[in-house]
Amino acid sequence: MTWQAEEALTVPSSALFRDGERWAVFRVEGARARLTPVTVGRNNGRQAQILDGISEGDALVLFPGAGLEDGMKVKPR
Protein backbone atom coordinates (compact mmCIF):
# COMPACT_ATOMS: atom_id res chain seq x y z
CA MET A 1 0.00 0.00 0.00
CA THR A 2 1.30 3.45 -0.90
CA TRP A 3 0.65 6.46 1.26
CA GLN A 4 1.04 10.12 0.36
CA ALA A 5 0.07 13.47 1.77
CA GLU A 6 0.11 16.96 0.27
CA GLU A 7 2.03 18.47 3.17
CA ALA A 8 3.74 16.13 5.59
CA LEU A 9 6.68 16.78 7.88
CA THR A 10 9.02 13.80 7.56
CA VAL A 11 12.36 12.94 9.12
CA PRO A 12 14.80 10.08 8.59
CA SER A 13 13.70 7.15 10.75
CA SER A 14 17.30 6.98 12.01
CA ALA A 15 16.63 10.12 14.08
CA LEU A 16 13.85 8.41 16.09
CA PHE A 17 14.27 6.40 19.26
CA ARG A 18 12.09 5.18 22.08
CA ASP A 19 12.15 7.15 25.32
CA GLY A 20 10.10 4.98 27.63
CA GLU A 21 6.66 4.61 26.06
CA ARG A 22 7.04 7.53 23.65
CA TRP A 23 8.99 8.36 20.50
CA ALA A 24 11.62 11.08 20.67
CA VAL A 25 14.39 12.81 18.73
CA PHE A 26 17.33 14.95 19.72
CA ARG A 27 16.78 18.41 18.27
CA VAL A 28 19.90 20.57 17.98
CA GLU A 29 19.50 23.93 19.68
CA GLY A 30 22.49 26.23 20.10
CA ALA A 31 25.04 23.39 19.67
CA ARG A 32 23.27 21.29 22.31
CA ALA A 33 21.14 18.17 21.93
CA ARG A 34 17.62 18.65 23.27
CA LEU A 35 15.49 15.61 24.01
CA THR A 36 12.21 16.25 22.22
CA PRO A 37 9.15 13.96 22.37
CA VAL A 38 7.40 13.58 19.01
CA THR A 39 4.19 12.04 17.75
CA VAL A 40 4.90 9.72 14.82
CA GLY A 41 2.38 8.97 12.08
CA ARG A 42 3.39 6.76 9.16
CA ASN A 43 6.87 5.18 9.20
CA ASN A 44 8.25 3.04 6.40
CA GLY A 45 11.60 2.37 8.09
CA ARG A 46 13.40 5.05 6.09
CA GLN A 47 11.20 8.12 6.56
CA ALA A 48 8.75 8.87 9.35
CA GLN A 49 5.86 11.30 9.37
CA ILE A 50 5.96 13.64 12.39
CA LEU A 51 2.58 14.87 13.58
CA ASP A 52 3.74 16.91 16.58
CA GLY A 53 6.85 17.92 18.53
CA ILE A 54 9.18 19.51 15.98
CA SER A 55 8.93 22.02 13.15
CA GLU A 56 10.14 22.18 9.59
CA GLY A 57 13.78 23.27 9.53
CA ASP A 58 14.69 21.88 12.96
CA ALA A 59 18.13 20.24 12.94
CA LEU A 60 18.13 16.69 14.31
CA VAL A 61 20.76 14.21 15.45
CA LEU A 62 20.82 11.15 13.19
CA PHE A 63 21.74 7.79 14.72
CA PRO A 64 21.86 9.12 18.32
CA GLY A 65 24.14 7.00 20.48
CA ALA A 66 23.08 5.48 23.77
CA GLY A 67 25.37 7.89 25.66
CA LEU A 68 23.80 11.06 24.26
CA GLU A 69 21.81 12.96 26.87
CA ASP A 70 19.69 16.09 26.93
CA GLY A 71 21.84 19.22 27.01
CA MET A 72 25.07 17.59 25.79
CA LYS A 73 27.13 19.58 23.28
CA VAL A 74 27.00 18.37 19.69
CA LYS A 75 28.59 19.55 16.46
CA PRO A 76 27.70 18.86 12.85
CA ARG A 77 29.73 16.39 10.80
PDB file of N, CA and C in Angstrom:
ATOM      1  N   MET A   1       0.839  -1.177   0.000  1.00  0.00           N
ATOM      2  CA  MET A   1       0.000   0.000   0.000  1.00  0.00           C
ATOM      3  C   MET A   1       0.882   1.237   0.000  1.00  0.00           C
ATOM      4  N   THR A   2       0.551   2.193  -0.817  1.00  0.00           N
ATOM      5  CA  THR A   2       1.296   3.446  -0.899  1.00  0.00           C
ATOM      6  C   THR A   2       0.524   4.522  -0.170  1.00  0.00           C
ATOM      7  N   TRP A   3       1.262   5.364   0.523  1.00  0.00           N
ATOM      8  CA  TRP A   3       0.651   6.457   1.261  1.00  0.00           C
ATOM      9  C   TRP A   3       1.282   7.755   0.797  1.00  0.00           C
ATOM     10  N   GLN A   4       0.497   8.806   0.676  1.00  0.00           N
ATOM     11  CA  GLN A   4       1.037  10.116   0.357  1.00  0.00           C
ATOM     12  C   GLN A   4       0.176  11.182   1.003  1.00  0.00           C
ATOM     13  N   ALA A   5       0.786  12.335   1.207  1.00  0.00           N
ATOM     14  CA  ALA A   5       0.067  13.474   1.774  1.00  0.00           C
ATOM     15  C   ALA A   5       0.595  14.731   1.096  1.00  0.00           C
ATOM     16  N   GLU A   6      -0.276  15.701   0.897  1.00  0.00           N
ATOM     17  CA  GLU A   6       0.110  16.965   0.266  1.00  0.00           C
ATOM     18  C   GLU A   6       1.233  17.654   1.040  1.00  0.00           C
ATOM     19  N   GLU A   7       1.033  17.808   2.327  1.00  0.00           N
ATOM     20  CA  GLU A   7       2.027  18.467   3.175  1.00  0.00           C
ATOM     21  C   GLU A   7       2.259  17.610   4.405  1.00  0.00           C
ATOM     22  N   ALA A   8       3.413  16.976   4.450  1.00  0.00           N
ATOM     23  CA  ALA A   8       3.741  16.126   5.594  1.00  0.00           C
ATOM     24  C   ALA A   8       5.163  16.442   6.040  1.00  0.00           C
ATOM     25  N   LEU A   9       5.343  16.612   7.319  1.00  0.00           N
ATOM     26  CA  LEU A   9       6.680  16.782   7.878  1.00  0.00           C
ATOM     27  C   LEU A   9       7.268  15.393   8.075  1.00  0.00           C
ATOM     28  N   THR A  10       8.388  15.111   7.420  1.00  0.00           N
ATOM     29  CA  THR A  10       9.021  13.804   7.560  1.00  0.00           C
ATOM     30  C   THR A  10      10.466  13.979   8.000  1.00  0.00           C
ATOM     31  N   VAL A  11      10.961  12.965   8.678  1.00  0.00           N
ATOM     32  CA  VAL A  11      12.356  12.936   9.125  1.00  0.00           C
ATOM     33  C   VAL A  11      12.911  11.547   8.832  1.00  0.00           C
ATOM     34  N   PRO A  12      14.231  11.418   8.718  1.00  0.00           N
ATOM     35  CA  PRO A  12      14.798  10.081   8.590  1.00  0.00           C
ATOM     36  C   PRO A  12      14.451   9.248   9.836  1.00  0.00           C
ATOM     37  N   SER A  13      14.054   8.021   9.615  1.00  0.00           N
ATOM     38  CA  SER A  13      13.704   7.149  10.746  1.00  0.00           C
ATOM     39  C   SER A  13      14.883   6.954  11.692  1.00  0.00           C
ATOM     40  N   SER A  14      16.103   7.143  11.183  1.00  0.00           N
ATOM     41  CA  SER A  14      17.301   6.976  12.011  1.00  0.00           C
ATOM     42  C   SER A  14      17.418   8.042  13.098  1.00  0.00           C
ATOM     43  N   ALA A  15      16.616   9.093  13.033  1.00  0.00           N
ATOM     44  CA  ALA A  15      16.632  10.121  14.077  1.00  0.00           C
ATOM     45  C   ALA A  15      15.740   9.736  15.258  1.00  0.00           C
ATOM     46  N   LEU A  16      14.826   8.788  15.050  1.00  0.00           N
ATOM     47  CA  LEU A  16      13.855   8.409  16.087  1.00  0.00           C
ATOM     48  C   LEU A  16      14.397   7.355  17.037  1.00  0.00           C
ATOM     49  N   PHE A  17      13.965   7.438  18.270  1.00  0.00           N
ATOM     50  CA  PHE A  17      14.270   6.396  19.256  1.00  0.00           C
ATOM     51  C   PHE A  17      13.167   6.383  20.303  1.00  0.00           C
ATOM     52  N   ARG A  18      13.092   5.282  21.025  1.00  0.00           N
ATOM     53  CA  ARG A  18      12.094   5.176  22.076  1.00  0.00           C
ATOM     54  C   ARG A  18      12.653   5.776  23.367  1.00  0.00           C
ATOM     55  N   ASP A  19      11.831   6.576  24.013  1.00  0.00           N
ATOM     56  CA  ASP A  19      12.145   7.150  25.316  1.00  0.00           C
ATOM     57  C   ASP A  19      11.013   6.721  26.236  1.00  0.00           C
ATOM     58  N   GLY A  20      11.192   5.572  26.851  1.00  0.00           N
ATOM     59  CA  GLY A  20      10.097   4.983  27.634  1.00  0.00           C
ATOM     60  C   GLY A  20       9.010   4.515  26.688  1.00  0.00           C
ATOM     61  N   GLU A  21       7.808   5.002  26.880  1.00  0.00           N
ATOM     62  CA  GLU A  21       6.659   4.606  26.057  1.00  0.00           C
ATOM     63  C   GLU A  21       6.459   5.512  24.843  1.00  0.00           C
ATOM     64  N   ARG A  22       7.257   6.559  24.727  1.00  0.00           N
ATOM     65  CA  ARG A  22       7.044   7.532  23.650  1.00  0.00           C
ATOM     66  C   ARG A  22       8.199   7.534  22.653  1.00  0.00           C
ATOM     67  N   TRP A  23       7.950   8.121  21.481  1.00  0.00           N
ATOM     68  CA  TRP A  23       8.992   8.355  20.498  1.00  0.00           C
ATOM     69  C   TRP A  23       9.628   9.705  20.781  1.00  0.00           C
ATOM     70  N   ALA A  24      10.916   9.821  20.446  1.00  0.00           N
ATOM     71  CA  ALA A  24      11.624  11.083  20.671  1.00  0.00           C
ATOM     72  C   ALA A  24      12.718  11.248  19.619  1.00  0.00           C
ATOM     73  N   VAL A  25      13.220  12.470  19.540  1.00  0.00           N
ATOM     74  CA  VAL A  25      14.388  12.809  18.731  1.00  0.00           C
ATOM     75  C   VAL A  25      15.260  13.722  19.578  1.00  0.00           C
ATOM     76  N   PHE A  26      16.499  13.897  19.154  1.00  0.00           N
ATOM     77  CA  PHE A  26      17.333  14.948  19.721  1.00  0.00           C
ATOM     78  C   PHE A  26      17.364  16.075  18.706  1.00  0.00           C
ATOM     79  N   ARG A  27      16.778  17.199  19.081  1.00  0.00           N
ATOM     80  CA  ARG A  27      16.782  18.408  18.274  1.00  0.00           C
ATOM     81  C   ARG A  27      18.022  19.196  18.662  1.00  0.00           C
ATOM     82  N   VAL A  28      18.702  19.789  17.691  1.00  0.00           N
ATOM     83  CA  VAL A  28      19.905  20.573  17.978  1.00  0.00           C
ATOM     84  C   VAL A  28      19.504  22.025  18.164  1.00  0.00           C
ATOM     85  N   GLU A  29      19.839  22.551  19.333  1.00  0.00           N
ATOM     86  CA  GLU A  29      19.497  23.927  19.679  1.00  0.00           C
ATOM     87  C   GLU A  29      20.728  24.586  20.288  1.00  0.00           C
ATOM     88  N   GLY A  30      21.316  25.537  19.571  1.00  0.00           N
ATOM     89  CA  GLY A  30      22.489  26.234  20.098  1.00  0.00           C
ATOM     90  C   GLY A  30      23.641  25.296  20.410  1.00  0.00           C
ATOM     91  N   ALA A  31      23.938  24.362  19.533  1.00  0.00           N
ATOM     92  CA  ALA A  31      25.041  23.391  19.673  1.00  0.00           C
ATOM     93  C   ALA A  31      24.828  22.397  20.816  1.00  0.00           C
ATOM     94  N   ARG A  32      23.583  22.272  21.274  1.00  0.00           N
ATOM     95  CA  ARG A  32      23.268  21.295  22.315  1.00  0.00           C
ATOM     96  C   ARG A  32      22.128  20.393  21.846  1.00  0.00           C
ATOM     97  N   ALA A  33      22.191  19.140  22.251  1.00  0.00           N
ATOM     98  CA  ALA A  33      21.142  18.171  21.927  1.00  0.00           C
ATOM     99  C   ALA A  33      20.002  18.336  22.930  1.00  0.00           C
ATOM    100  N   ARG A  34      18.804  18.491  22.416  1.00  0.00           N
ATOM    101  CA  ARG A  34      17.624  18.651  23.272  1.00  0.00           C
ATOM    102  C   ARG A  34      16.666  17.489  23.037  1.00  0.00           C
ATOM    103  N   LEU A  35      16.428  16.714  24.073  1.00  0.00           N
ATOM    104  CA  LEU A  35      15.489  15.605  24.009  1.00  0.00           C
ATOM    105  C   LEU A  35      14.102  16.167  23.720  1.00  0.00           C
ATOM    106  N   THR A  36      13.489  15.701  22.653  1.00  0.00           N
ATOM    107  CA  THR A  36      12.211  16.255  22.217  1.00  0.00           C
ATOM    108  C   THR A  36      11.230  15.127  21.895  1.00  0.00           C
ATOM    109  N   PRO A  37      10.177  14.971  22.688  1.00  0.00           N
ATOM    110  CA  PRO A  37       9.154  13.961  22.372  1.00  0.00           C
ATOM    111  C   PRO A  37       8.436  14.338  21.076  1.00  0.00           C
ATOM    112  N   VAL A  38       8.126  13.344  20.265  1.00  0.00           N
ATOM    113  CA  VAL A  38       7.403  13.577  19.013  1.00  0.00           C
ATOM    114  C   VAL A  38       6.271  12.565  18.881  1.00  0.00           C
ATOM    115  N   THR A  39       5.275  12.945  18.099  1.00  0.00           N
ATOM    116  CA  THR A  39       4.189  12.043  17.750  1.00  0.00           C
ATOM    117  C   THR A  39       4.432  11.589  16.314  1.00  0.00           C
ATOM    118  N   VAL A  40       4.573  10.283  16.127  1.00  0.00           N
ATOM    119  CA  VAL A  40       4.897   9.716  14.824  1.00  0.00           C
ATOM    120  C   VAL A  40       3.625   9.198  14.166  1.00  0.00           C
ATOM    121  N   GLY A  41       3.483   9.508  12.876  1.00  0.00           N
ATOM    122  CA  GLY A  41       2.378   8.970  12.082  1.00  0.00           C
ATOM    123  C   GLY A  41       2.873   7.752  11.326  1.00  0.00           C
ATOM    124  N   ARG A  42       2.915   7.850  10.013  1.00  0.00           N
ATOM    125  CA  ARG A  42       3.392   6.755   9.163  1.00  0.00           C
ATOM    126  C   ARG A  42       4.909   6.648   9.243  1.00  0.00           C
ATOM    127  N   ASN A  43       5.419   5.409   9.167  1.00  0.00           N
ATOM    128  CA  ASN A  43       6.865   5.178   9.203  1.00  0.00           C
ATOM    129  C   ASN A  43       7.162   3.955   8.346  1.00  0.00           C
ATOM    130  N   ASN A  44       7.934   4.159   7.280  1.00  0.00           N
ATOM    131  CA  ASN A  44       8.253   3.037   6.397  1.00  0.00           C
ATOM    132  C   ASN A  44       9.639   2.444   6.665  1.00  0.00           C
ATOM    133  N   GLY A  45      10.269   2.869   7.757  1.00  0.00           N
ATOM    134  CA  GLY A  45      11.598   2.369   8.092  1.00  0.00           C
ATOM    135  C   GLY A  45      12.723   3.243   7.569  1.00  0.00           C
ATOM    136  N   ARG A  46      12.403   4.101   6.611  1.00  0.00           N
ATOM    137  CA  ARG A  46      13.403   5.047   6.085  1.00  0.00           C
ATOM    138  C   ARG A  46      13.014   6.486   6.399  1.00  0.00           C
ATOM    139  N   GLN A  47      11.733   6.798   6.272  1.00  0.00           N
ATOM    140  CA  GLN A  47      11.199   8.119   6.564  1.00  0.00           C
ATOM    141  C   GLN A  47      10.001   7.971   7.486  1.00  0.00           C
ATOM    142  N   ALA A  48       9.874   8.908   8.416  1.00  0.00           N
ATOM    143  CA  ALA A  48       8.747   8.871   9.346  1.00  0.00           C
ATOM    144  C   ALA A  48       8.005  10.202   9.300  1.00  0.00           C
ATOM    145  N   GLN A  49       6.701  10.116   9.309  1.00  0.00           N
ATOM    146  CA  GLN A  49       5.858  11.303   9.366  1.00  0.00           C
ATOM    147  C   GLN A  49       5.794  11.772  10.814  1.00  0.00           C
ATOM    148  N   ILE A  50       6.032  13.069  11.037  1.00  0.00           N
ATOM    149  CA  ILE A  50       5.959  13.639  12.388  1.00  0.00           C
ATOM    150  C   ILE A  50       4.710  14.497  12.477  1.00  0.00           C
ATOM    151  N   LEU A  51       3.842  14.153  13.404  1.00  0.00           N
ATOM    152  CA  LEU A  51       2.579  14.870  13.576  1.00  0.00           C
ATOM    153  C   LEU A  51       2.692  16.015  14.574  1.00  0.00           C
ATOM    154  N   ASP A  52       3.630  15.894  15.531  1.00  0.00           N
ATOM    155  CA  ASP A  52       3.744  16.914  16.578  1.00  0.00           C
ATOM    156  C   ASP A  52       5.097  16.798  17.258  1.00  0.00           C
ATOM    157  N   GLY A  53       5.633  17.932  17.718  1.00  0.00           N
ATOM    158  CA  GLY A  53       6.845  17.922  18.535  1.00  0.00           C
ATOM    159  C   GLY A  53       7.997  18.714  17.960  1.00  0.00           C
ATOM    160  N   ILE A  54       8.125  18.733  16.627  1.00  0.00           N
ATOM    161  CA  ILE A  54       9.184  19.505  15.980  1.00  0.00           C
ATOM    162  C   ILE A  54       8.587  20.266  14.812  1.00  0.00           C
ATOM    163  N   SER A  55       9.379  21.191  14.270  1.00  0.00           N
ATOM    164  CA  SER A  55       8.930  22.019  13.154  1.00  0.00           C
ATOM    165  C   SER A  55       9.846  21.841  11.957  1.00  0.00           C
ATOM    166  N   GLU A  56       9.332  22.202  10.800  1.00  0.00           N
ATOM    167  CA  GLU A  56      10.139  22.176   9.585  1.00  0.00           C
ATOM    168  C   GLU A  56      11.385  23.035   9.800  1.00  0.00           C
ATOM    169  N   GLY A  57      12.527  22.524   9.398  1.00  0.00           N
ATOM    170  CA  GLY A  57      13.776  23.267   9.533  1.00  0.00           C
ATOM    171  C   GLY A  57      14.556  22.949  10.796  1.00  0.00           C
ATOM    172  N   ASP A  58      13.951  22.258  11.757  1.00  0.00           N
ATOM    173  CA  ASP A  58      14.689  21.880  12.965  1.00  0.00           C
ATOM    174  C   ASP A  58      15.821  20.926  12.590  1.00  0.00           C
ATOM    175  N   ALA A  59      16.998  21.135  13.142  1.00  0.00           N
ATOM    176  CA  ALA A  59      18.134  20.236  12.937  1.00  0.00           C
ATOM    177  C   ALA A  59      18.022  19.091  13.940  1.00  0.00           C
ATOM    178  N   LEU A  60      18.245  17.873  13.460  1.00  0.00           N
ATOM    179  CA  LEU A  60      18.126  16.691  14.308  1.00  0.00           C
ATOM    180  C   LEU A  60      19.419  15.899  14.309  1.00  0.00           C
ATOM    181  N   VAL A  61      19.631  15.135  15.368  1.00  0.00           N
ATOM    182  CA  VAL A  61      20.758  14.214  15.450  1.00  0.00           C
ATOM    183  C   VAL A  61      20.325  12.898  14.798  1.00  0.00           C
ATOM    184  N   LEU A  62      21.087  12.445  13.804  1.00  0.00           N
ATOM    185  CA  LEU A  62      20.821  11.148  13.185  1.00  0.00           C
ATOM    186  C   LEU A  62      21.632  10.081  13.893  1.00  0.00           C
ATOM    187  N   PHE A  63      21.084   8.905  14.049  1.00  0.00           N
ATOM    188  CA  PHE A  63      21.738   7.789  14.725  1.00  0.00           C
ATOM    189  C   PHE A  63      22.259   8.184  16.110  1.00  0.00           C
ATOM    190  N   PRO A  64      21.385   8.716  16.989  1.00  0.00           N
ATOM    191  CA  PRO A  64      21.860   9.125  18.321  1.00  0.00           C
ATOM    192  C   PRO A  64      22.373   7.930  19.116  1.00  0.00           C
ATOM    193  N   GLY A  65      23.545   8.075  19.686  1.00  0.00           N
ATOM    194  CA  GLY A  65      24.141   7.003  20.476  1.00  0.00           C
ATOM    195  C   GLY A  65      23.498   6.884  21.846  1.00  0.00           C
ATOM    196  N   ALA A  66      23.676   5.747  22.457  1.00  0.00           N
ATOM    197  CA  ALA A  66      23.076   5.484  23.772  1.00  0.00           C
ATOM    198  C   ALA A  66      23.593   6.439  24.845  1.00  0.00           C
ATOM    199  N   GLY A  67      24.793   6.988  24.660  1.00  0.00           N
ATOM    200  CA  GLY A  67      25.365   7.885  25.661  1.00  0.00           C
ATOM    201  C   GLY A  67      24.947   9.335  25.528  1.00  0.00           C
ATOM    202  N   LEU A  68      24.226   9.675  24.459  1.00  0.00           N
ATOM    203  CA  LEU A  68      23.799  11.058  24.257  1.00  0.00           C
ATOM    204  C   LEU A  68      22.676  11.402  25.221  1.00  0.00           C
ATOM    205  N   GLU A  69      22.810  12.531  25.894  1.00  0.00           N
ATOM    206  CA  GLU A  69      21.808  12.961  26.868  1.00  0.00           C
ATOM    207  C   GLU A  69      21.386  14.392  26.581  1.00  0.00           C
ATOM    208  N   ASP A  70      20.213  14.746  27.087  1.00  0.00           N
ATOM    209  CA  ASP A  70      19.685  16.089  26.929  1.00  0.00           C
ATOM    210  C   ASP A  70      20.680  17.124  27.442  1.00  0.00           C
ATOM    211  N   GLY A  71      20.969  18.119  26.617  1.00  0.00           N
ATOM    212  CA  GLY A  71      21.844  19.217  27.013  1.00  0.00           C
ATOM    213  C   GLY A  71      23.307  19.015  26.643  1.00  0.00           C
ATOM    214  N   MET A  72      23.676  17.826  26.159  1.00  0.00           N
ATOM    215  CA  MET A  72      25.072  17.592  25.785  1.00  0.00           C
ATOM    216  C   MET A  72      25.417  18.401  24.535  1.00  0.00           C
ATOM    217  N   LYS A  73      26.676  18.845  24.461  1.00  0.00           N
ATOM    218  CA  LYS A  73      27.131  19.577  23.285  1.00  0.00           C
ATOM    219  C   LYS A  73      27.272  18.623  22.110  1.00  0.00           C
ATOM    220  N   VAL A  74      26.875  19.115  20.926  1.00  0.00           N
ATOM    221  CA  VAL A  74      27.005  18.368  19.688  1.00  0.00           C
ATOM    222  C   VAL A  74      27.542  19.313  18.616  1.00  0.00           C
ATOM    223  N   LYS A  75      28.161  18.734  17.592  1.00  0.00           N
ATOM    224  CA  LYS A  75      28.587  19.548  16.462  1.00  0.00           C
ATOM    225  C   LYS A  75      28.327  18.781  15.173  1.00  0.00           C
ATOM    226  N   PRO A  76      28.011  19.522  14.109  1.00  0.00           N
ATOM    227  CA  PRO A  76      27.704  18.858  12.846  1.00  0.00           C
ATOM    228  C   PRO A  76      28.922  18.162  12.255  1.00  0.00           C
ATOM    229  N   ARG A  77      28.648  17.090  11.501  1.00  0.00           N
ATOM    230  CA  ARG A  77      29.733  16.386  10.799  1.00  0.00           C
ATOM    231  C   ARG A  77      29.475  16.436   9.324  1.00  0.00           C
TER     232      ARG A  77
END
